[in-house]
Amino acid sequence: MKTGKRDRDRKWMWWLVGSIAALQVYFVQELLAAFALFALGFLAIAGAVFSLYTLQRAWAGTVDRIADSRHPVMVAVRHGIDSVGDLARRPFRRPGPAQPVN
């Protein structure tokens, strides 16, 4: 009779140990899944930053190359920009009689 109770207790003990081990395995799997998701998220963010940096560098190089160009259109654009700058530097005078100088 005593051995039957001991076998039953061992059976429950092994079930308890097995369920604890299964829970630990499940917990580790959940942690690995969370780590994988975070790694994918950080890779996506790093990829977006890298692509934006690359696009900005390409844009800056293209603008520099176009600005140094001697193409007639670019010469006309530069001349127009300089003309607008000259107009902006002129003092603004209201129409009408001139004010006396003291």
PDB file of N, CA and C in Angstrom:
ATOM      1  N   MET A   1       0.812  -1.183   0.000  1.00  0.00           N
ATOM      2  CA  MET A   1       0.000   0.000   0.000  1.00  0.00           C
ATOM      3  C   MET A   1       0.858   1.250   0.000  1.00  0.00           C
ATOM      4  N   LYS A   2       1.951   1.199   0.730  1.00  0.00           N
ATOM      5  CA  LYS A   2       2.800   2.362   0.808  1.00  0.00           C
ATOM      6  C   LYS A   2       3.481   2.647  -0.527  1.00  0.00           C
ATOM      7  N   THR A   3       3.845   1.603  -1.277  1.00  0.00           N
ATOM      8  CA  THR A   3       4.512   1.814  -2.560  1.00  0.00           C
ATOM      9  C   THR A   3       3.566   2.405  -3.583  1.00  0.00           C
ATOM     10  N   GLY A   4       2.279   2.071  -3.529  1.00  0.00           N
ATOM     11  CA  GLY A   4       1.287   2.647  -4.454  1.00  0.00           C
ATOM     12  C   GLY A   4       1.157   4.149  -4.252  1.00  0.00           C
ATOM     13  N   LYS A   5       1.150   4.612  -2.989  1.00  0.00           N
ATOM     14  CA  LYS A   5       1.057   6.040  -2.703  1.00  0.00           C
ATOM     15  C   LYS A   5       2.316   6.747  -3.148  1.00  0.00           C
ATOM     16  N   ARG A   6       3.461   6.101  -2.957  1.00  0.00           N
ATOM     17  CA  ARG A   6       4.735   6.694  -3.355  1.00  0.00           C
ATOM     18  C   ARG A   6       4.791   6.824  -4.879  1.00  0.00           C
ATOM     19  N   ASP A   7       4.319   5.830  -5.603  1.00  0.00           N
ATOM     20  CA  ASP A   7       4.306   5.902  -7.066  1.00  0.00           C
ATOM     21  C   ASP A   7       3.376   7.022  -7.551  1.00  0.00           C
ATOM     22  N   ARG A   8       2.240   7.156  -6.884  1.00  0.00           N
ATOM     23  CA  ARG A   8       1.310   8.215  -7.251  1.00  0.00           C
ATOM     24  C   ARG A   8       1.932   9.585  -6.980  1.00  0.00           C
ATOM     25  N   ASP A   9       2.626   9.714  -5.845  1.00  0.00           N
ATOM     26  CA  ASP A   9       3.290  10.978  -5.523  1.00  0.00           C
ATOM     27  C   ASP A   9       4.397  11.275  -6.530  1.00  0.00           C
ATOM     28  N   ARG A  10       5.150  10.248  -6.938  1.00  0.00           N
ATOM     29  CA  ARG A  10       6.199  10.450  -7.944  1.00  0.00           C
ATOM     30  C   ARG A  10       5.592  10.894  -9.270  1.00  0.00           C
ATOM     31  N   LYS A  11       4.451  10.281  -9.604  1.00  0.00           N
ATOM     32  CA  LYS A  11       3.798  10.647 -10.851  1.00  0.00           C
ATOM     33  C   LYS A  11       3.424  12.133 -10.827  1.00  0.00           C
ATOM     34  N   TRP A  12       2.849  12.613  -9.728  1.00  0.00           N
ATOM     35  CA  TRP A  12       2.481  14.033  -9.619  1.00  0.00           C
ATOM     36  C   TRP A  12       3.713  14.927  -9.580  1.00  0.00           C
ATOM     37  N   MET A  13       4.777  14.427  -8.941  1.00  0.00           N
ATOM     38  CA  MET A  13       6.003  15.202  -8.897  1.00  0.00           C
ATOM     39  C   MET A  13       6.551  15.391 -10.311  1.00  0.00           C
ATOM     40  N   TRP A  14       6.570  14.311 -11.106  1.00  0.00           N
ATOM     41  CA  TRP A  14       7.084  14.415 -12.473  1.00  0.00           C
ATOM     42  C   TRP A  14       6.179  15.283 -13.337  1.00  0.00           C
ATOM     43  N   TRP A  15       4.878  15.230 -13.123  1.00  0.00           N
ATOM     44  CA  TRP A  15       3.972  16.120 -13.839  1.00  0.00           C
ATOM     45  C   TRP A  15       4.261  17.576 -13.488  1.00  0.00           C
ATOM     46  N   LEU A  16       4.501  17.849 -12.222  1.00  0.00           N
ATOM     47  CA  LEU A  16       4.812  19.207 -11.784  1.00  0.00           C
ATOM     48  C   LEU A  16       6.140  19.675 -12.389  1.00  0.00           C
ATOM     49  N   VAL A  17       7.148  18.845 -12.320  1.00  0.00           N
ATOM     50  CA  VAL A  17       8.457  19.208 -12.898  1.00  0.00           C
ATOM     51  C   VAL A  17       8.334  19.404 -14.408  1.00  0.00           C
ATOM     52  N   GLY A  18       7.601  18.522 -15.072  1.00  0.00           N
ATOM     53  CA  GLY A  18       7.409  18.654 -16.518  1.00  0.00           C
ATOM     54  C   GLY A  18       6.658  19.920 -16.888  1.00  0.00           C
ATOM     55  N   SER A  19       5.627  20.242 -16.100  1.00  0.00           N
ATOM     56  CA  SER A  19       4.869  21.461 -16.415  1.00  0.00           C
ATOM     57  C   SER A  19       5.706  22.713 -16.155  1.00  0.00           C
ATOM     58  N   ILE A  20       6.529  22.704 -15.113  1.00  0.00           N
ATOM     59  CA  ILE A  20       7.429  23.840 -14.865  1.00  0.00           C
ATOM     60  C   ILE A  20       8.438  23.972 -15.996  1.00  0.00           C
ATOM     61  N   ALA A  21       8.987  22.864 -16.455  1.00  0.00           N
ATOM     62  CA  ALA A  21       9.930  22.904 -17.577  1.00  0.00           C
ATOM     63  C   ALA A  21       9.246  23.400 -18.847  1.00  0.00           C
ATOM     64  N   ALA A  22       8.010  22.953 -19.074  1.00  0.00           N
ATOM     65  CA  ALA A  22       7.273  23.407 -20.263  1.00  0.00           C
ATOM     66  C   ALA A  22       7.007  24.903 -20.183  1.00  0.00           C
ATOM     67  N   LEU A  23       6.655  25.388 -18.998  1.00  0.00           N
ATOM     68  CA  LEU A  23       6.428  26.819 -18.851  1.00  0.00           C
ATOM     69  C   LEU A  23       7.717  27.609 -19.095  1.00  0.00           C
ATOM     70  N   GLN A  24       8.854  27.082 -18.642  1.00  0.00           N
ATOM     71  CA  GLN A  24      10.126  27.760 -18.871  1.00  0.00           C
ATOM     72  C   GLN A  24      10.470  27.795 -20.357  1.00  0.00           C
ATOM     73  N   VAL A  25      10.233  26.692 -21.043  1.00  0.00           N
ATOM     74  CA  VAL A  25      10.493  26.649 -22.486  1.00  0.00           C
ATOM     75  C   VAL A  25       9.600  27.651 -23.193  1.00  0.00           C
ATOM     76  N   TYR A  26       8.325  27.708 -22.812  1.00  0.00           N
ATOM     77  CA  TYR A  26       7.390  28.658 -23.407  1.00  0.00           C
ATOM     78  C   TYR A  26       7.843  30.090 -23.140  1.00  0.00           C
ATOM     79  N   PHE A  27       8.298  30.369 -21.925  1.00  0.00           N
ATOM     80  CA  PHE A  27       8.764  31.700 -21.557  1.00  0.00           C
ATOM     81  C   PHE A  27       9.977  32.093 -22.392  1.00  0.00           C
ATOM     82  N   VAL A  28      10.904  31.172 -22.569  1.00  0.00           N
ATOM     83  CA  VAL A  28      12.092  31.444 -23.389  1.00  0.00           C
ATOM     84  C   VAL A  28      11.687  31.678 -24.840  1.00  0.00           C
ATOM     85  N   GLN A  29      10.737  30.913 -25.345  1.00  0.00           N
ATOM     86  CA  GLN A  29      10.271  31.122 -26.714  1.00  0.00           C
ATOM     87  C   GLN A  29       9.635  32.503 -26.863  1.00  0.00           C
ATOM     88  N   GLU A  30       8.882  32.919 -25.881  1.00  0.00           N
ATOM     89  CA  GLU A  30       8.264  34.247 -25.932  1.00  0.00           C
ATOM     90  C   GLU A  30       9.333  35.335 -25.904  1.00  0.00           C
ATOM     91  N   LEU A  31      10.347  35.176 -25.069  1.00  0.00           N
ATOM     92  CA  LEU A  31      11.432  36.154 -25.022  1.00  0.00           C
ATOM     93  C   LEU A  31      12.184  36.217 -26.346  1.00  0.00           C
ATOM     94  N   LEU A  32      12.449  35.066 -26.952  1.00  0.00           N
ATOM     95  CA  LEU A  32      13.137  35.056 -28.248  1.00  0.00           C
ATOM     96  C   LEU A  32      12.273  35.693 -29.337  1.00  0.00           C
ATOM     97  N   ALA A  33      10.984  35.457 -29.291  1.00  0.00           N
ATOM     98  CA  ALA A  33      10.083  36.075 -30.274  1.00  0.00           C
ATOM     99  C   ALA A  33      10.060  37.592 -30.095  1.00  0.00           C
ATOM    100  N   ALA A  34      10.004  38.060 -28.862  1.00  0.00           N
ATOM    101  CA  ALA A  34      10.018  39.502 -28.605  1.00  0.00           C
ATOM    102  C   ALA A  34      11.341  40.112 -29.074  1.00  0.00           C
ATOM    103  N   PHE A  35      12.449  39.417 -28.806  1.00  0.00           N
ATOM    104  CA  PHE A  35      13.757  39.902 -29.257  1.00  0.00           C
ATOM    105  C   PHE A  35      13.805  39.984 -30.772  1.00  0.00           C
ATOM    106  N   ALA A  36      13.264  38.990 -31.452  1.00  0.00           N
ATOM    107  CA  ALA A  36      13.252  39.002 -32.921  1.00  0.00           C
ATOM    108  C   ALA A  36      12.416  40.168 -33.443  1.00  0.00           C
ATOM    109  N   LEU A  37      11.281  40.430 -32.820  1.00  0.00           N
ATOM    110  CA  LEU A  37      10.445  41.557 -33.256  1.00  0.00           C
ATOM    111  C   LEU A  37      11.152  42.888 -33.040  1.00  0.00           C
ATOM    112  N   PHE A  38      11.788  43.058 -31.895  1.00  0.00           N
ATOM    113  CA  PHE A  38      12.534  44.288 -31.644  1.00  0.00           C
ATOM    114  C   PHE A  38      13.698  44.436 -32.617  1.00  0.00           C
ATOM    115  N   ALA A  39      14.392  43.346 -32.899  1.00  0.00           N
ATOM    116  CA  ALA A  39      15.500  43.407 -33.849  1.00  0.00           C
ATOM    117  C   ALA A  39      15.005  43.812 -35.233  1.00  0.00           C
ATOM    118  N   LEU A  40      13.868  43.256 -35.665  1.00  0.00           N
ATOM    119  CA  LEU A  40      13.298  43.642 -36.957  1.00  0.00           C
ATOM    120  C   LEU A  40      12.882  45.108 -36.961  1.00  0.00           C
ATOM    121  N   GLY A  41      12.325  45.577 -35.869  1.00  0.00           N
ATOM    122  CA  GLY A  41      11.932  46.988 -35.770  1.00  0.00           C
ATOM    123  C   GLY A  41      13.135  47.915 -35.854  1.00  0.00           C
ATOM    124  N   PHE A  42      14.194  47.573 -35.122  1.00  0.00           N
ATOM    125  CA  PHE A  42      15.391  48.404 -35.169  1.00  0.00           C
ATOM    126  C   PHE A  42      16.055  48.338 -36.538  1.00  0.00           C
ATOM    127  N   LEU A  43      16.023  47.183 -37.187  1.00  0.00           N
ATOM    128  CA  LEU A  43      16.564  47.093 -38.544  1.00  0.00           C
ATOM    129  C   LEU A  43      15.763  47.955 -39.519  1.00  0.00           C
ATOM    130  N   ALA A  44      14.461  47.984 -39.359  1.00  0.00           N
ATOM    131  CA  ALA A  44      13.629  48.826 -40.223  1.00  0.00           C
ATOM    132  C   ALA A  44      13.941  50.299 -40.011  1.00  0.00           C
ATOM    133  N   ILE A  45      14.092  50.701 -38.764  1.00  0.00           N
ATOM    134  CA  ILE A  45      14.421  52.103 -38.475  1.00  0.00           C
ATOM    135  C   ILE A  45      15.805  52.447 -39.016  1.00  0.00           C
ATOM    136  N   ALA A  46      16.781  51.562 -38.815  1.00  0.00           N
ATOM    137  CA  ALA A  46      18.133  51.809 -39.328  1.00  0.00           C
ATOM    138  C   ALA A  46      18.133  51.863 -40.849  1.00  0.00           C
ATOM    139  N   GLY A  47      17.363  51.015 -41.494  1.00  0.00           N
ATOM    140  CA  GLY A  47      17.265  51.051 -42.955  1.00  0.00           C
ATOM    141  C   GLY A  47      16.660  52.345 -43.453  1.00  0.00           C
ATOM    142  N   ALA A  48      15.628  52.831 -42.760  1.00  0.00           N
ATOM    143  CA  ALA A  48      15.002  54.098 -43.160  1.00  0.00           C
ATOM    144  C   ALA A  48      15.967  55.259 -42.982  1.00  0.00           C
ATOM    145  N   VAL A  49      16.700  55.284 -41.870  1.00  0.00           N
ATOM    146  CA  VAL A  49      17.669  56.355 -41.640  1.00  0.00           C
ATOM    147  C   VAL A  49      18.786  56.292 -42.678  1.00  0.00           C
ATOM    148  N   PHE A  50      19.275  55.103 -42.966  1.00  0.00           N
ATOM    149  CA  PHE A  50      20.342  54.957 -43.952  1.00  0.00           C
ATOM    150  C   PHE A  50      19.874  55.385 -45.337  1.00  0.00           C
ATOM    151  N   SER A  51      18.652  55.019 -45.704  1.00  0.00           N
ATOM    152  CA  SER A  51      18.160  55.398 -47.027  1.00  0.00           C
ATOM    153  C   SER A  51      17.938  56.907 -47.116  1.00  0.00           C
ATOM    154  N   LEU A  52      17.432  57.530 -46.047  1.00  0.00           N
ATOM    155  CA  LEU A  52      17.278  58.981 -46.054  1.00  0.00           C
ATOM    156  C   LEU A  52      18.629  59.685 -46.134  1.00  0.00           C
ATOM    157  N   TYR A  53      19.622  59.179 -45.432  1.00  0.00           N
ATOM    158  CA  TYR A  53      20.964  59.755 -45.489  1.00  0.00           C
ATOM    159  C   TYR A  53      21.545  59.631 -46.900  1.00  0.00           C
ATOM    160  N   THR A  54      21.373  58.470 -47.500  1.00  0.00           N
ATOM    161  CA  THR A  54      21.884  58.254 -48.857  1.00  0.00           C
ATOM    162  C   THR A  54      21.176  59.164 -49.855  1.00  0.00           C
ATOM    163  N   LEU A  55      19.853  59.287 -49.729  1.00  0.00           N
ATOM    164  CA  LEU A  55      19.117  60.192 -50.617  1.00  0.00           C
ATOM    165  C   LEU A  55      19.558  61.640 -50.441  1.00  0.00           C
ATOM    166  N   GLN A  56      19.794  62.057 -49.200  1.00  0.00           N
ATOM    167  CA  GLN A  56      20.235  63.431 -48.960  1.00  0.00           C
ATOM    168  C   GLN A  56      21.605  63.684 -49.561  1.00  0.00           C
ATOM    169  N   ARG A  57      22.521  62.729 -49.415  1.00  0.00           N
ATOM    170  CA  ARG A  57      23.870  62.891 -49.993  1.00  0.00           C
ATOM    171  C   ARG A  57      23.804  62.926 -51.518  1.00  0.00           C
ATOM    172  N   ALA A  58      22.971  62.091 -52.108  1.00  0.00           N
ATOM    173  CA  ALA A  58      22.822  62.098 -53.565  1.00  0.00           C
ATOM    174  C   ALA A  58      22.204  63.416 -54.025  1.00  0.00           C
ATOM    175  N   TRP A  59      21.205  63.906 -53.280  1.00  0.00           N
ATOM    176  CA  TRP A  59      20.577  65.172 -53.632  1.00  0.00           C
ATOM    177  C   TRP A  59      21.589  66.315 -53.551  1.00  0.00           C
ATOM    178  N   ALA A  60      22.387  66.360 -52.493  1.00  0.00           N
ATOM    179  CA  ALA A  60      23.374  67.426 -52.337  1.00  0.00           C
ATOM    180  C   ALA A  60      24.405  67.378 -53.463  1.00  0.00           C
ATOM    181  N   GLY A  61      24.852  66.187 -53.812  1.00  0.00           N
ATOM    182  CA  GLY A  61      25.815  66.065 -54.917  1.00  0.00           C
ATOM    183  C   GLY A  61      25.219  66.505 -56.241  1.00  0.00           C
ATOM    184  N   THR A  62      23.970  66.154 -56.478  1.00  0.00           N
ATOM    185  CA  THR A  62      23.299  66.548 -57.722  1.00  0.00           C
ATOM    186  C   THR A  62      23.112  68.057 -57.778  1.00  0.00           C
ATOM    187  N   VAL A  63      22.707  68.663 -56.681  1.00  0.00           N
ATOM    188  CA  VAL A  63      22.517  70.116 -56.656  1.00  0.00           C
ATOM    189  C   VAL A  63      23.851  70.824 -56.866  1.00  0.00           C
ATOM    190  N   ASP A  64      24.914  70.350 -56.245  1.00  0.00           N
ATOM    191  CA  ASP A  64      26.232  70.954 -56.452  1.00  0.00           C
ATOM    192  C   ASP A  64      26.660  70.844 -57.908  1.00  0.00           C
ATOM    193  N   ARG A  65      26.436  69.695 -58.502  1.00  0.00           N
ATOM    194  CA  ARG A  65      26.828  69.505 -59.896  1.00  0.00           C
ATOM    195  C   ARG A  65      26.019  70.391 -60.835  1.00  0.00           C
ATOM    196  N   ILE A  66      24.739  70.522 -60.573  1.00  0.00           N
ATOM    197  CA  ILE A  66      23.890  71.380 -61.411  1.00  0.00           C
ATOM    198  C   ILE A  66      24.239  72.844 -61.201  1.00  0.00           C
ATOM    199  N   ALA A  67      24.529  73.238 -59.945  1.00  0.00           N
ATOM    200  CA  ALA A  67      24.861  74.633 -59.665  1.00  0.00           C
ATOM    201  C   ALA A  67      26.163  75.040 -60.350  1.00  0.00           C
ATOM    202  N   ASP A  68      27.105  74.122 -60.504  1.00  0.00           N
ATOM    203  CA  ASP A  68      28.371  74.424 -61.166  1.00  0.00           C
ATOM    204  C   ASP A  68      28.271  74.305 -62.683  1.00  0.00           C
ATOM    205  N   SER A  69      27.118  73.916 -63.192  1.00  0.00           N
ATOM    206  CA  SER A  69      26.944  73.692 -64.617  1.00  0.00           C
ATOM    207  C   SER A  69      26.983  75.013 -65.378  1.00  0.00           C
ATOM    208  N   ARG A  70      27.476  74.962 -66.615  1.00  0.00           N
ATOM    209  CA  ARG A  70      27.509  76.126 -67.505  1.00  0.00           C
ATOM    210  C   ARG A  70      26.409  76.037 -68.557  1.00  0.00           C
ATOM    211  N   HIS A  71      25.415  75.237 -68.295  1.00  0.00           N
ATOM    212  CA  HIS A  71      24.295  75.098 -69.222  1.00  0.00           C
ATOM    213  C   HIS A  71      23.547  76.429 -69.299  1.00  0.00           C
ATOM    214  N   PRO A  72      23.077  76.831 -70.494  1.00  0.00           N
ATOM    215  CA  PRO A  72      22.410  78.134 -70.637  1.00  0.00           C
ATOM    216  C   PRO A  72      21.209  78.321 -69.701  1.00  0.00           C
ATOM    217  N   VAL A  73      20.469  77.270 -69.444  1.00  0.00           N
ATOM    218  CA  VAL A  73      19.331  77.386 -68.528  1.00  0.00           C
ATOM    219  C   VAL A  73      19.812  77.724 -67.124  1.00  0.00           C
ATOM    220  N   MET A  74      20.872  77.084 -66.684  1.00  0.00           N
ATOM    221  CA  MET A  74      21.389  77.346 -65.348  1.00  0.00           C
ATOM    222  C   MET A  74      21.974  78.752 -65.251  1.00  0.00           C
ATOM    223  N   VAL A  75      22.600  79.217 -66.326  1.00  0.00           N
ATOM    224  CA  VAL A  75      23.123  80.596 -66.335  1.00  0.00           C
ATOM    225  C   VAL A  75      21.959  81.573 -66.205  1.00  0.00           C
ATOM    226  N   ALA A  76      20.849  81.320 -66.911  1.00  0.00           N
ATOM    227  CA  ALA A  76      19.677  82.196 -66.824  1.00  0.00           C
ATOM    228  C   ALA A  76      19.065  82.151 -65.431  1.00  0.00           C
ATOM    229  N   VAL A  77      18.995  80.986 -64.839  1.00  0.00           N
ATOM    230  CA  VAL A  77      18.447  80.877 -63.486  1.00  0.00           C
ATOM    231  C   VAL A  77      19.315  81.640 -62.496  1.00  0.00           C
ATOM    232  N   ARG A  78      20.642  81.491 -62.598  1.00  0.00           N
ATOM    233  CA  ARG A  78      21.543  82.227 -61.703  1.00  0.00           C
ATOM    234  C   ARG A  78      21.374  83.733 -61.890  1.00  0.00           C
ATOM    235  N   HIS A  79      21.236  84.171 -63.152  1.00  0.00           N
ATOM    236  CA  HIS A  79      21.053  85.595 -63.427  1.00  0.00           C
ATOM    237  C   HIS A  79      19.742  86.080 -62.803  1.00  0.00           C
ATOM    238  N   GLY A  80      18.667  85.287 -62.913  1.00  0.00           N
ATOM    239  CA  GLY A  80      17.389  85.663 -62.305  1.00  0.00           C
ATOM    240  C   GLY A  80      17.476  85.747 -60.796  1.00  0.00           C
ATOM    241  N   ILE A  81      18.166  84.810 -60.187  1.00  0.00           N
ATOM    242  CA  ILE A  81      18.322  84.828 -58.729  1.00  0.00           C
ATOM    243  C   ILE A  81      19.109  86.053 -58.296  1.00  0.00           C
ATOM    244  N   ASP A  82      20.161  86.393 -59.036  1.00  0.00           N
ATOM    245  CA  ASP A  82      20.948  87.587 -58.710  1.00  0.00           C
ATOM    246  C   ASP A  82      20.108  88.850 -58.871  1.00  0.00           C
ATOM    247  N   SER A  83      19.253  88.885 -59.895  1.00  0.00           N
ATOM    248  CA  SER A  83      18.393  90.060 -60.102  1.00  0.00           C
ATOM    249  C   SER A  83      17.412  90.228 -58.952  1.00  0.00           C
ATOM    250  N   VAL A  84      16.830  89.136 -58.494  1.00  0.00           N
ATOM    251  CA  VAL A  84      15.900  89.210 -57.366  1.00  0.00           C
ATOM    252  C   VAL A  84      16.640  89.662 -56.115  1.00  0.00           C
ATOM    253  N   GLY A  85      17.871  89.190 -55.917  1.00  0.00           N
ATOM    254  CA  GLY A  85      18.670  89.627 -54.771  1.00  0.00           C
ATOM    255  C   GLY A  85      18.974  91.108 -54.834  1.00  0.00           C
ATOM    256  N   ASP A  86      19.265  91.628 -56.034  1.00  0.00           N
ATOM    257  CA  ASP A  86      19.512  93.063 -56.179  1.00  0.00           C
ATOM    258  C   ASP A  86      18.262  93.873 -55.868  1.00  0.00           C
ATOM    259  N   LEU A  87      17.105  93.379 -56.325  1.00  0.00           N
ATOM    260  CA  LEU A  87      15.862  94.079 -56.019  1.00  0.00           C
ATOM    261  C   LEU A  87      15.577  94.064 -54.517  1.00  0.00           C
ATOM    262  N   ALA A  88      15.898  92.982 -53.854  1.00  0.00           N
ATOM    263  CA  ALA A  88      15.632  92.882 -52.420  1.00  0.00           C
ATOM    264  C   ALA A  88      16.532  93.813 -51.626  1.00  0.00           C
ATOM    265  N   ARG A  89      17.709  94.117 -52.151  1.00  0.00           N
ATOM    266  CA  ARG A  89      18.632  94.987 -51.416  1.00  0.00           C
ATOM    267  C   ARG A  89      18.321  96.474 -51.597  1.00  0.00           C
ATOM    268  N   ARG A  90      17.546  96.833 -52.598  1.00  0.00           N
ATOM    269  CA  ARG A  90      17.203  98.247 -52.818  1.00  0.00           C
ATOM    270  C   ARG A  90      16.315  98.748 -51.681  1.00  0.00           C
ATOM    271  N   PRO A  91      16.510  99.990 -51.303  1.00  0.00           N
ATOM    272  CA  PRO A  91      15.599 100.542 -50.282  1.00  0.00           C
ATOM    273  C   PRO A  91      14.225 100.770 -50.877  1.00  0.00           C
ATOM    274  N   PHE A  92      13.212 100.586 -50.056  1.00  0.00           N
ATOM    275  CA  PHE A  92      11.835 100.756 -50.503  1.00  0.00           C
ATOM    276  C   PHE A  92      11.439 102.224 -50.325  1.00  0.00           C
ATOM    277  N   ARG A  93      10.967 102.828 -51.408  1.00  0.00           N
ATOM    278  CA  ARG A  93      10.509 104.218 -51.349  1.00  0.00           C
ATOM    279  C   ARG A  93       9.042 104.260 -51.730  1.00  0.00           C
ATOM    280  N   ARG A  94       8.290 105.024 -50.978  1.00  0.00           N
ATOM    281  CA  ARG A  94       6.869 105.164 -51.281  1.00  0.00           C
ATOM    282  C   ARG A  94       6.671 106.145 -52.425  1.00  0.00           C
ATOM    283  N   PRO A  95       5.679 105.888 -53.239  1.00  0.00           N
ATOM    284  CA  PRO A  95       5.421 106.872 -54.288  1.00  0.00           C
ATOM    285  C   PRO A  95       4.855 108.167 -53.700  1.00  0.00           C
ATOM    286  N   GLY A  96       5.158 109.265 -54.324  1.00  0.00           N
ATOM    287  CA  GLY A  96       4.658 110.539 -53.838  1.00  0.00           C
ATOM    288  C   GLY A  96       5.809 111.523 -53.683  1.00  0.00           C
ATOM    289  N   PRO A  97       5.521 112.648 -53.055  1.00  0.00           N
ATOM    290  CA  PRO A  97       6.570 113.666 -52.940  1.00  0.00           C
ATOM    291  C   PRO A  97       7.715 113.172 -52.053  1.00  0.00           C
ATOM    292  N   ALA A  98       8.899 113.578 -52.457  1.00  0.00           N
ATOM    293  CA  ALA A  98      10.091 113.207 -51.694  1.00  0.00           C
ATOM    294  C   ALA A  98      10.125 113.965 -50.390  1.00  0.00           C
ATOM    295  N   GLN A  99      10.627 113.346 -49.360  1.00  0.00           N
ATOM    296  CA  GLN A  99      10.726 114.004 -48.079  1.00  0.00           C
ATOM    297  C   GLN A  99      11.967 114.888 -48.059  1.00  0.00           C
ATOM    298  N   PRO A 100      11.869 116.031 -47.425  1.00  0.00           N
ATOM    299  CA  PRO A 100      13.032 116.927 -47.379  1.00  0.00           C
ATOM    300  C   PRO A 100      14.157 116.329 -46.535  1.00  0.00           C
ATOM    301  N   VAL A 101      15.350 116.584 -46.972  1.00  0.00           N
ATOM    302  CA  VAL A 101      16.530 116.130 -46.233  1.00  0.00           C
ATOM    303  C   VAL A 101      16.929 117.222 -45.267  1.00  0.00           C
ATOM    304  N   ASN A 102      17.158 116.915 -44.011  1.00  0.00           N
ATOM    305  CA  ASN A 102      17.528 117.918 -43.005  1.00  0.00           C
ATOM    306  C   ASN A 102      18.969 118.263 -43.091  1.00  0.00           C
TER     307      ASN A 102
END
